[in-house]
Amino acid sequence: MSNYTGADRAAFPKGLTERRPAWTWPAKDLNHGPKQAGINGKPITHRSCLANMVHTFAVWKKRAQERRQLAALDERMLRDIGLTRADAFQECRKPFWQP
């Protein structure tokens, strides 16, 4: 429905009944944020984003811990798992966020 009558309405081209801004914000679902498809087409929610962040931080922490443990192994232990000191050094030089 239009709030415009008379002269205001005459200013619109035929078929248009309201003034609309040239650009508007994307439509949102007020309960779940922006309507975007996440993994498997499920909507992205604050809870799923938080769960993903917690999981990522846990993976990073575990990766850093494993690399510290690898650096602490002696030559015999490295030989037992089939690595050389150079292989262990190369793995330990990686930042925690790199697999």
PDB file of N, CA and C in Angstrom:
ATOM      1  N   MET A   1       0.851  -1.181   0.000  1.00  0.00           N
ATOM      2  CA  MET A   1       0.000   0.000   0.000  1.00  0.00           C
ATOM      3  C   MET A   1       0.892   1.237   0.000  1.00  0.00           C
ATOM      4  N   SER A   2       0.420   2.228  -0.660  1.00  0.00           N
ATOM      5  CA  SER A   2       1.185   3.458  -0.774  1.00  0.00           C
ATOM      6  C   SER A   2       0.671   4.493   0.218  1.00  0.00           C
ATOM      7  N   ASN A   3       1.597   5.270   0.749  1.00  0.00           N
ATOM      8  CA  ASN A   3       1.241   6.366   1.641  1.00  0.00           C
ATOM      9  C   ASN A   3       1.139   7.684   0.873  1.00  0.00           C
ATOM     10  N   TYR A   4       1.313   7.623  -0.424  1.00  0.00           N
ATOM     11  CA  TYR A   4       1.339   8.829  -1.245  1.00  0.00           C
ATOM     12  C   TYR A   4       0.030   8.984  -2.004  1.00  0.00           C
ATOM     13  N   THR A   5      -0.437  10.197  -2.100  1.00  0.00           N
ATOM     14  CA  THR A   5      -1.675  10.483  -2.838  1.00  0.00           C
ATOM     15  C   THR A   5      -1.478  11.719  -3.693  1.00  0.00           C
ATOM     16  N   GLY A   6      -2.381  11.958  -4.599  1.00  0.00           N
ATOM     17  CA  GLY A   6      -2.416  13.192  -5.380  1.00  0.00           C
ATOM     18  C   GLY A   6      -1.154  13.444  -6.169  1.00  0.00           C
ATOM     19  N   ALA A   7      -0.554  14.623  -5.962  1.00  0.00           N
ATOM     20  CA  ALA A   7       0.601  15.071  -6.737  1.00  0.00           C
ATOM     21  C   ALA A   7       1.801  14.160  -6.530  1.00  0.00           C
ATOM     22  N   ASP A   8       1.974  13.651  -5.277  1.00  0.00           N
ATOM     23  CA  ASP A   8       3.093  12.743  -5.030  1.00  0.00           C
ATOM     24  C   ASP A   8       2.988  11.490  -5.891  1.00  0.00           C
ATOM     25  N   ARG A   9       1.797  10.940  -5.959  1.00  0.00           N
ATOM     26  CA  ARG A   9       1.600   9.722  -6.721  1.00  0.00           C
ATOM     27  C   ARG A   9       1.808   9.989  -8.211  1.00  0.00           C
ATOM     28  N   ALA A  10       1.430  11.171  -8.677  1.00  0.00           N
ATOM     29  CA  ALA A  10       1.580  11.499 -10.097  1.00  0.00           C
ATOM     30  C   ALA A  10       3.050  11.548 -10.491  1.00  0.00           C
ATOM     31  N   ALA A  11       3.952  11.784  -9.536  1.00  0.00           N
ATOM     32  CA  ALA A  11       5.368  11.865  -9.837  1.00  0.00           C
ATOM     33  C   ALA A  11       5.981  10.488 -10.119  1.00  0.00           C
ATOM     34  N   PHE A  12       5.300   9.422  -9.705  1.00  0.00           N
ATOM     35  CA  PHE A  12       5.827   8.077  -9.929  1.00  0.00           C
ATOM     36  C   PHE A  12       5.487   7.596 -11.328  1.00  0.00           C
ATOM     37  N   PRO A  13       6.390   6.847 -11.973  1.00  0.00           N
ATOM     38  CA  PRO A  13       6.045   6.221 -13.247  1.00  0.00           C
ATOM     39  C   PRO A  13       4.902   5.240 -13.043  1.00  0.00           C
ATOM     40  N   LYS A  14       4.195   4.954 -14.112  1.00  0.00           N
ATOM     41  CA  LYS A  14       3.051   4.049 -14.040  1.00  0.00           C
ATOM     42  C   LYS A  14       3.508   2.691 -13.517  1.00  0.00           C
ATOM     43  N   GLY A  15       2.787   2.153 -12.576  1.00  0.00           N
ATOM     44  CA  GLY A  15       3.098   0.849 -12.001  1.00  0.00           C
ATOM     45  C   GLY A  15       3.840   0.937 -10.685  1.00  0.00           C
ATOM     46  N   LEU A  16       4.543   2.028 -10.430  1.00  0.00           N
ATOM     47  CA  LEU A  16       5.241   2.187  -9.155  1.00  0.00           C
ATOM     48  C   LEU A  16       4.344   2.934  -8.193  1.00  0.00           C
ATOM     49  N   THR A  17       4.263   2.438  -6.978  1.00  0.00           N
ATOM     50  CA  THR A  17       3.371   3.070  -6.023  1.00  0.00           C
ATOM     51  C   THR A  17       4.093   3.603  -4.801  1.00  0.00           C
ATOM     52  N   GLU A  18       5.377   3.268  -4.612  1.00  0.00           N
ATOM     53  CA  GLU A  18       6.102   3.728  -3.437  1.00  0.00           C
ATOM     54  C   GLU A  18       7.500   4.158  -3.804  1.00  0.00           C
ATOM     55  N   ARG A  19       8.051   5.023  -2.990  1.00  0.00           N
ATOM     56  CA  ARG A  19       9.462   5.362  -3.135  1.00  0.00           C
ATOM     57  C   ARG A  19      10.272   4.333  -2.364  1.00  0.00           C
ATOM     58  N   ARG A  20      11.323   3.881  -2.986  1.00  0.00           N
ATOM     59  CA  ARG A  20      12.212   2.925  -2.316  1.00  0.00           C
ATOM     60  C   ARG A  20      13.641   3.409  -2.468  1.00  0.00           C
ATOM     61  N   PRO A  21      14.465   3.203  -1.457  1.00  0.00           N
ATOM     62  CA  PRO A  21      15.865   3.618  -1.594  1.00  0.00           C
ATOM     63  C   PRO A  21      16.548   2.808  -2.698  1.00  0.00           C
ATOM     64  N   ALA A  22      17.594   3.391  -3.271  1.00  0.00           N
ATOM     65  CA  ALA A  22      18.318   2.714  -4.346  1.00  0.00           C
ATOM     66  C   ALA A  22      19.000   1.455  -3.823  1.00  0.00           C
ATOM     67  N   TRP A  23      19.402   1.451  -2.554  1.00  0.00           N
ATOM     68  CA  TRP A  23      20.078   0.298  -1.980  1.00  0.00           C
ATOM     69  C   TRP A  23      19.482   0.025  -0.615  1.00  0.00           C
ATOM     70  N   THR A  24      19.273  -1.229  -0.302  1.00  0.00           N
ATOM     71  CA  THR A  24      18.751  -1.604   1.016  1.00  0.00           C
ATOM     72  C   THR A  24      19.630  -2.691   1.598  1.00  0.00           C
ATOM     73  N   TRP A  25      19.562  -2.866   2.901  1.00  0.00           N
ATOM     74  CA  TRP A  25      20.301  -3.929   3.567  1.00  0.00           C
ATOM     75  C   TRP A  25      19.745  -5.271   3.137  1.00  0.00           C
ATOM     76  N   PRO A  26      20.591  -6.331   3.153  1.00  0.00           N
ATOM     77  CA  PRO A  26      20.082  -7.654   2.801  1.00  0.00           C
ATOM     78  C   PRO A  26      19.007  -8.100   3.787  1.00  0.00           C
ATOM     79  N   ALA A  27      18.085  -8.891   3.292  1.00  0.00           N
ATOM     80  CA  ALA A  27      17.010  -9.404   4.153  1.00  0.00           C
ATOM     81  C   ALA A  27      17.609 -10.284   5.235  1.00  0.00           C
ATOM     82  N   LYS A  28      17.050 -10.200   6.425  1.00  0.00           N
ATOM     83  CA  LYS A  28      17.519 -11.000   7.552  1.00  0.00           C
ATOM     84  C   LYS A  28      16.359 -11.779   8.143  1.00  0.00           C
ATOM     85  N   ASP A  29      16.705 -12.934   8.651  1.00  0.00           N
ATOM     86  CA  ASP A  29      15.774 -13.675   9.481  1.00  0.00           C
ATOM     87  C   ASP A  29      16.115 -13.250  10.907  1.00  0.00           C
ATOM     88  N   LEU A  30      15.224 -12.566  11.586  1.00  0.00           N
ATOM     89  CA  LEU A  30      15.542 -11.980  12.879  1.00  0.00           C
ATOM     90  C   LEU A  30      15.921 -13.005  13.937  1.00  0.00           C
ATOM     91  N   ASN A  31      15.509 -14.254  13.758  1.00  0.00           N
ATOM     92  CA  ASN A  31      15.832 -15.270  14.749  1.00  0.00           C
ATOM     93  C   ASN A  31      17.208 -15.887  14.537  1.00  0.00           C
ATOM     94  N   HIS A  32      17.692 -15.889  13.312  1.00  0.00           N
ATOM     95  CA  HIS A  32      18.924 -16.617  13.023  1.00  0.00           C
ATOM     96  C   HIS A  32      19.946 -15.810  12.253  1.00  0.00           C
ATOM     97  N   GLY A  33      19.860 -14.499  12.219  1.00  0.00           N
ATOM     98  CA  GLY A  33      20.837 -13.685  11.508  1.00  0.00           C
ATOM     99  C   GLY A  33      20.611 -13.746  10.011  1.00  0.00           C
ATOM    100  N   PRO A  34      21.642 -13.435   9.237  1.00  0.00           N
ATOM    101  CA  PRO A  34      21.483 -13.419   7.790  1.00  0.00           C
ATOM    102  C   PRO A  34      21.107 -14.790   7.249  1.00  0.00           C
ATOM    103  N   LYS A  35      20.302 -14.793   6.197  1.00  0.00           N
ATOM    104  CA  LYS A  35      19.907 -16.059   5.587  1.00  0.00           C
ATOM    105  C   LYS A  35      21.020 -16.509   4.655  1.00  0.00           C
ATOM    106  N   GLN A  36      21.926 -17.297   5.179  1.00  0.00           N
ATOM    107  CA  GLN A  36      23.025 -17.838   4.396  1.00  0.00           C
ATOM    108  C   GLN A  36      23.060 -19.330   4.625  1.00  0.00           C
ATOM    109  N   ALA A  37      23.408 -20.044   3.589  1.00  0.00           N
ATOM    110  CA  ALA A  37      23.523 -21.488   3.724  1.00  0.00           C
ATOM    111  C   ALA A  37      24.902 -21.818   4.266  1.00  0.00           C
ATOM    112  N   GLY A  38      24.930 -22.605   5.288  1.00  0.00           N
ATOM    113  CA  GLY A  38      26.189 -23.061   5.842  1.00  0.00           C
ATOM    114  C   GLY A  38      26.526 -24.431   5.270  1.00  0.00           C
ATOM    115  N   ILE A  39      27.157 -25.238   6.054  1.00  0.00           N
ATOM    116  CA  ILE A  39      27.497 -26.591   5.632  1.00  0.00           C
ATOM    117  C   ILE A  39      26.213 -27.406   5.509  1.00  0.00           C
ATOM    118  N   ASN A  40      26.095 -28.148   4.449  1.00  0.00           N
ATOM    119  CA  ASN A  40      24.924 -28.989   4.161  1.00  0.00           C
ATOM    120  C   ASN A  40      23.635 -28.182   4.050  1.00  0.00           C
ATOM    121  N   GLY A  41      23.720 -26.911   3.700  1.00  0.00           N
ATOM    122  CA  GLY A  41      22.536 -26.090   3.497  1.00  0.00           C
ATOM    123  C   GLY A  41      21.859 -25.631   4.770  1.00  0.00           C
ATOM    124  N   LYS A  42      22.432 -25.932   5.923  1.00  0.00           N
ATOM    125  CA  LYS A  42      21.829 -25.489   7.189  1.00  0.00           C
ATOM    126  C   LYS A  42      22.155 -24.015   7.408  1.00  0.00           C
ATOM    127  N   PRO A  43      21.252 -23.257   8.025  1.00  0.00           N
ATOM    128  CA  PRO A  43      21.542 -21.842   8.256  1.00  0.00           C
ATOM    129  C   PRO A  43      22.670 -21.673   9.266  1.00  0.00           C
ATOM    130  N   ILE A  44      23.443 -20.607   9.083  1.00  0.00           N
ATOM    131  CA  ILE A  44      24.522 -20.306  10.007  1.00  0.00           C
ATOM    132  C   ILE A  44      23.914 -19.597  11.217  1.00  0.00           C
ATOM    133  N   THR A  45      24.205 -20.111  12.399  1.00  0.00           N
ATOM    134  CA  THR A  45      23.682 -19.504  13.622  1.00  0.00           C
ATOM    135  C   THR A  45      24.849 -19.076  14.505  1.00  0.00           C
ATOM    136  N   HIS A  46      24.559 -18.257  15.490  1.00  0.00           N
ATOM    137  CA  HIS A  46      25.602 -17.845  16.427  1.00  0.00           C
ATOM    138  C   HIS A  46      26.164 -19.058  17.149  1.00  0.00           C
ATOM    139  N   ARG A  47      25.311 -20.003  17.468  1.00  0.00           N
ATOM    140  CA  ARG A  47      25.755 -21.199  18.186  1.00  0.00           C
ATOM    141  C   ARG A  47      26.708 -22.008  17.319  1.00  0.00           C
ATOM    142  N   SER A  48      26.372 -22.182  16.030  1.00  0.00           N
ATOM    143  CA  SER A  48      27.249 -22.974  15.171  1.00  0.00           C
ATOM    144  C   SER A  48      28.575 -22.257  14.943  1.00  0.00           C
ATOM    145  N   CYS A  49      28.546 -20.926  14.841  1.00  0.00           N
ATOM    146  CA  CYS A  49      29.789 -20.167  14.685  1.00  0.00           C
ATOM    147  C   CYS A  49      30.664 -20.318  15.926  1.00  0.00           C
ATOM    148  N   LEU A  50      30.058 -20.224  17.086  1.00  0.00           N
ATOM    149  CA  LEU A  50      30.801 -20.382  18.331  1.00  0.00           C
ATOM    150  C   LEU A  50      31.370 -21.791  18.441  1.00  0.00           C
ATOM    151  N   ALA A  51      30.576 -22.788  18.092  1.00  0.00           N
ATOM    152  CA  ALA A  51      31.055 -24.179  18.145  1.00  0.00           C
ATOM    153  C   ALA A  51      32.224 -24.385  17.195  1.00  0.00           C
ATOM    154  N   ASN A  52      32.161 -23.785  16.004  1.00  0.00           N
ATOM    155  CA  ASN A  52      33.264 -23.900  15.055  1.00  0.00           C
ATOM    156  C   ASN A  52      34.524 -23.238  15.588  1.00  0.00           C
ATOM    157  N   MET A  53      34.373 -22.090  16.239  1.00  0.00           N
ATOM    158  CA  MET A  53      35.534 -21.402  16.803  1.00  0.00           C
ATOM    159  C   MET A  53      36.166 -22.222  17.927  1.00  0.00           C
ATOM    160  N   VAL A  54      35.348 -22.766  18.794  1.00  0.00           N
ATOM    161  CA  VAL A  54      35.856 -23.581  19.902  1.00  0.00           C
ATOM    162  C   VAL A  54      36.595 -24.796  19.351  1.00  0.00           C
ATOM    163  N   HIS A  55      36.014 -25.435  18.339  1.00  0.00           N
ATOM    164  CA  HIS A  55      36.654 -26.604  17.731  1.00  0.00           C
ATOM    165  C   HIS A  55      37.998 -26.221  17.099  1.00  0.00           C
ATOM    166  N   THR A  56      38.026 -25.099  16.382  1.00  0.00           N
ATOM    167  CA  THR A  56      39.263 -24.655  15.738  1.00  0.00           C
ATOM    168  C   THR A  56      40.346 -24.378  16.767  1.00  0.00           C
ATOM    169  N   PHE A  57      39.991 -23.703  17.860  1.00  0.00           N
ATOM    170  CA  PHE A  57      40.980 -23.429  18.899  1.00  0.00           C
ATOM    171  C   PHE A  57      41.483 -24.714  19.547  1.00  0.00           C
ATOM    172  N   ALA A  58      40.607 -25.690  19.723  1.00  0.00           N
ATOM    173  CA  ALA A  58      41.025 -26.970  20.301  1.00  0.00           C
ATOM    174  C   ALA A  58      42.003 -27.687  19.372  1.00  0.00           C
ATOM    175  N   VAL A  59      41.726 -27.655  18.074  1.00  0.00           N
ATOM    176  CA  VAL A  59      42.629 -28.284  17.099  1.00  0.00           C
ATOM    177  C   VAL A  59      43.987 -27.592  17.127  1.00  0.00           C
ATOM    178  N   TRP A  60      43.987 -26.255  17.152  1.00  0.00           N
ATOM    179  CA  TRP A  60      45.239 -25.514  17.184  1.00  0.00           C
ATOM    180  C   TRP A  60      46.050 -25.836  18.437  1.00  0.00           C
ATOM    181  N   LYS A  61      45.363 -25.918  19.586  1.00  0.00           N
ATOM    182  CA  LYS A  61      46.045 -26.215  20.849  1.00  0.00           C
ATOM    183  C   LYS A  61      46.663 -27.603  20.813  1.00  0.00           C
ATOM    184  N   LYS A  62      45.900 -28.577  20.304  1.00  0.00           N
ATOM    185  CA  LYS A  62      46.407 -29.947  20.224  1.00  0.00           C
ATOM    186  C   LYS A  62      47.592 -30.032  19.265  1.00  0.00           C
ATOM    187  N   ARG A  63      47.502 -29.343  18.133  1.00  0.00           N
ATOM    188  CA  ARG A  63      48.585 -29.353  17.149  1.00  0.00           C
ATOM    189  C   ARG A  63      49.859 -28.763  17.748  1.00  0.00           C
ATOM    190  N   ALA A  64      49.740 -27.661  18.475  1.00  0.00           N
ATOM    191  CA  ALA A  64      50.910 -27.040  19.109  1.00  0.00           C
ATOM    192  C   ALA A  64      51.515 -27.968  20.155  1.00  0.00           C
ATOM    193  N   GLN A  65      50.657 -28.627  20.928  1.00  0.00           N
ATOM    194  CA  GLN A  65      51.136 -29.555  21.954  1.00  0.00           C
ATOM    195  C   GLN A  65      51.860 -30.743  21.324  1.00  0.00           C
ATOM    196  N   GLU A  66      51.300 -31.304  20.257  1.00  0.00           N
ATOM    197  CA  GLU A  66      51.938 -32.440  19.587  1.00  0.00           C
ATOM    198  C   GLU A  66      53.287 -32.058  18.998  1.00  0.00           C
ATOM    199  N   ARG A  67      53.398 -30.845  18.481  1.00  0.00           N
ATOM    200  CA  ARG A  67      54.680 -30.402  17.916  1.00  0.00           C
ATOM    201  C   ARG A  67      55.720 -30.184  19.013  1.00  0.00           C
ATOM    202  N   ARG A  68      55.298 -29.693  20.172  1.00  0.00           N
ATOM    203  CA  ARG A  68      56.236 -29.566  21.293  1.00  0.00           C
ATOM    204  C   ARG A  68      56.721 -30.945  21.742  1.00  0.00           C
ATOM    205  N   GLN A  69      55.798 -31.912  21.788  1.00  0.00           N
ATOM    206  CA  GLN A  69      56.174 -33.271  22.185  1.00  0.00           C
ATOM    207  C   GLN A  69      57.108 -33.895  21.154  1.00  0.00           C
ATOM    208  N   LEU A  70      56.855 -33.646  19.877  1.00  0.00           N
ATOM    209  CA  LEU A  70      57.718 -34.170  18.823  1.00  0.00           C
ATOM    210  C   LEU A  70      59.129 -33.590  18.947  1.00  0.00           C
ATOM    211  N   ALA A  71      59.214 -32.319  19.274  1.00  0.00           N
ATOM    212  CA  ALA A  71      60.521 -31.678  19.429  1.00  0.00           C
ATOM    213  C   ALA A  71      61.294 -32.254  20.612  1.00  0.00           C
ATOM    214  N   ALA A  72      60.592 -32.781  21.589  1.00  0.00           N
ATOM    215  CA  ALA A  72      61.239 -33.313  22.794  1.00  0.00           C
ATOM    216  C   ALA A  72      61.723 -34.758  22.632  1.00  0.00           C
ATOM    217  N   LEU A  73      61.327 -35.422  21.543  1.00  0.00           N
ATOM    218  CA  LEU A  73      61.737 -36.819  21.354  1.00  0.00           C
ATOM    219  C   LEU A  73      63.223 -36.923  21.037  1.00  0.00           C
ATOM    220  N   ASP A  74      63.856 -37.999  21.546  1.00  0.00           N
ATOM    221  CA  ASP A  74      65.266 -38.221  21.224  1.00  0.00           C
ATOM    222  C   ASP A  74      65.391 -39.013  19.916  1.00  0.00           C
ATOM    223  N   GLU A  75      66.636 -39.226  19.475  1.00  0.00           N
ATOM    224  CA  GLU A  75      66.885 -39.882  18.181  1.00  0.00           C
ATOM    225  C   GLU A  75      66.284 -41.285  18.116  1.00  0.00           C
ATOM    226  N   ARG A  76      66.401 -42.044  19.199  1.00  0.00           N
ATOM    227  CA  ARG A  76      65.866 -43.408  19.208  1.00  0.00           C
ATOM    228  C   ARG A  76      64.349 -43.417  19.024  1.00  0.00           C
ATOM    229  N   MET A  77      63.657 -42.519  19.728  1.00  0.00           N
ATOM    230  CA  MET A  77      62.198 -42.451  19.620  1.00  0.00           C
ATOM    231  C   MET A  77      61.772 -41.993  18.217  1.00  0.00           C
ATOM    232  N   LEU A  78      62.504 -41.036  17.662  1.00  0.00           N
ATOM    233  CA  LEU A  78      62.186 -40.597  16.300  1.00  0.00           C
ATOM    234  C   LEU A  78      62.377 -41.734  15.300  1.00  0.00           C
ATOM    235  N   ARG A  79      63.443 -42.506  15.487  1.00  0.00           N
ATOM    236  CA  ARG A  79      63.706 -43.660  14.610  1.00  0.00           C
ATOM    237  C   ARG A  79      62.583 -44.688  14.732  1.00  0.00           C
ATOM    238  N   ASP A  80      62.058 -44.865  15.932  1.00  0.00           N
ATOM    239  CA  ASP A  80      60.955 -45.816  16.151  1.00  0.00           C
ATOM    240  C   ASP A  80      59.702 -45.436  15.370  1.00  0.00           C
ATOM    241  N   ILE A  81      59.458 -44.162  15.211  1.00  0.00           N
ATOM    242  CA  ILE A  81      58.262 -43.737  14.471  1.00  0.00           C
ATOM    243  C   ILE A  81      58.583 -43.414  13.008  1.00  0.00           C
ATOM    244  N   GLY A  82      59.821 -43.659  12.594  1.00  0.00           N
ATOM    245  CA  GLY A  82      60.188 -43.511  11.188  1.00  0.00           C
ATOM    246  C   GLY A  82      60.480 -42.092  10.749  1.00  0.00           C
ATOM    247  N   LEU A  83      60.937 -41.241  11.670  1.00  0.00           N
ATOM    248  CA  LEU A  83      61.275 -39.860  11.330  1.00  0.00           C
ATOM    249  C   LEU A  83      62.740 -39.578  11.612  1.00  0.00           C
ATOM    250  N   THR A  84      63.277 -38.640  10.904  1.00  0.00           N
ATOM    251  CA  THR A  84      64.628 -38.163  11.190  1.00  0.00           C
ATOM    252  C   THR A  84      64.506 -36.872  11.990  1.00  0.00           C
ATOM    253  N   ARG A  85      65.623 -36.418  12.528  1.00  0.00           N
ATOM    254  CA  ARG A  85      65.621 -35.154  13.273  1.00  0.00           C
ATOM    255  C   ARG A  85      65.224 -34.004  12.331  1.00  0.00           C
ATOM    256  N   ALA A  86      65.647 -34.072  11.056  1.00  0.00           N
ATOM    257  CA  ALA A  86      65.301 -33.026  10.087  1.00  0.00           C
ATOM    258  C   ALA A  86      63.786 -33.003   9.831  1.00  0.00           C
ATOM    259  N   ASP A  87      63.158 -34.199   9.734  1.00  0.00           N
ATOM    260  CA  ASP A  87      61.698 -34.265   9.550  1.00  0.00           C
ATOM    261  C   ASP A  87      60.977 -33.640  10.748  1.00  0.00           C
ATOM    262  N   ALA A  88      61.445 -33.973  11.942  1.00  0.00           N
ATOM    263  CA  ALA A  88      60.827 -33.438  13.156  1.00  0.00           C
ATOM    264  C   ALA A  88      61.014 -31.928  13.225  1.00  0.00           C
ATOM    265  N   PHE A  89      62.212 -31.465  12.870  1.00  0.00           N
ATOM    266  CA  PHE A  89      62.477 -30.027  12.906  1.00  0.00           C
ATOM    267  C   PHE A  89      61.588 -29.286  11.916  1.00  0.00           C
ATOM    268  N   GLN A  90      61.432 -29.854  10.718  1.00  0.00           N
ATOM    269  CA  GLN A  90      60.582 -29.225   9.707  1.00  0.00           C
ATOM    270  C   GLN A  90      59.133 -29.143  10.182  1.00  0.00           C
ATOM    271  N   GLU A  91      58.630 -30.192  10.810  1.00  0.00           N
ATOM    272  CA  GLU A  91      57.257 -30.187  11.321  1.00  0.00           C
ATOM    273  C   GLU A  91      57.100 -29.193  12.471  1.00  0.00           C
ATOM    274  N   CYS A  92      58.090 -29.123  13.340  1.00  0.00           N
ATOM    275  CA  CYS A  92      57.999 -28.250  14.511  1.00  0.00           C
ATOM    276  C   CYS A  92      58.123 -26.769  14.154  1.00  0.00           C
ATOM    277  N   ARG A  93      58.691 -26.453  13.014  1.00  0.00           N
ATOM    278  CA  ARG A  93      58.822 -25.058  12.589  1.00  0.00           C
ATOM    279  C   ARG A  93      57.511 -24.470  12.101  1.00  0.00           C
ATOM    280  N   LYS A  94      56.546 -25.315  11.762  1.00  0.00           N
ATOM    281  CA  LYS A  94      55.254 -24.824  11.242  1.00  0.00           C
ATOM    282  C   LYS A  94      54.488 -24.093  12.347  1.00  0.00           C
ATOM    283  N   PRO A  95      53.768 -23.020  11.989  1.00  0.00           N
ATOM    284  CA  PRO A  95      52.904 -22.375  12.975  1.00  0.00           C
ATOM    285  C   PRO A  95      51.728 -23.299  13.336  1.00  0.00           C
ATOM    286  N   PHE A  96      51.160 -23.090  14.488  1.00  0.00           N
ATOM    287  CA  PHE A  96      50.096 -23.973  14.976  1.00  0.00           C
ATOM    288  C   PHE A  96      48.878 -24.013  14.072  1.00  0.00           C
ATOM    289  N   TRP A  97      48.637 -22.981  13.276  1.00  0.00           N
ATOM    290  CA  TRP A  97      47.433 -22.955  12.433  1.00  0.00           C
ATOM    291  C   TRP A  97      47.629 -23.702  11.112  1.00  0.00           C
ATOM    292  N   GLN A  98      48.842 -24.118  10.811  1.00  0.00           N
ATOM    293  CA  GLN A  98      49.088 -24.864   9.573  1.00  0.00           C
ATOM    294  C   GLN A  98      49.071 -26.360   9.858  1.00  0.00           C
ATOM    295  N   PRO A  99      48.310 -27.105   9.065  1.00  0.00           N
ATOM    296  CA  PRO A  99      48.291 -28.561   9.273  1.00  0.00           C
ATOM    297  C   PRO A  99      49.596 -29.215   8.884  1.00  0.00           C
TER     298      PRO A  99
END
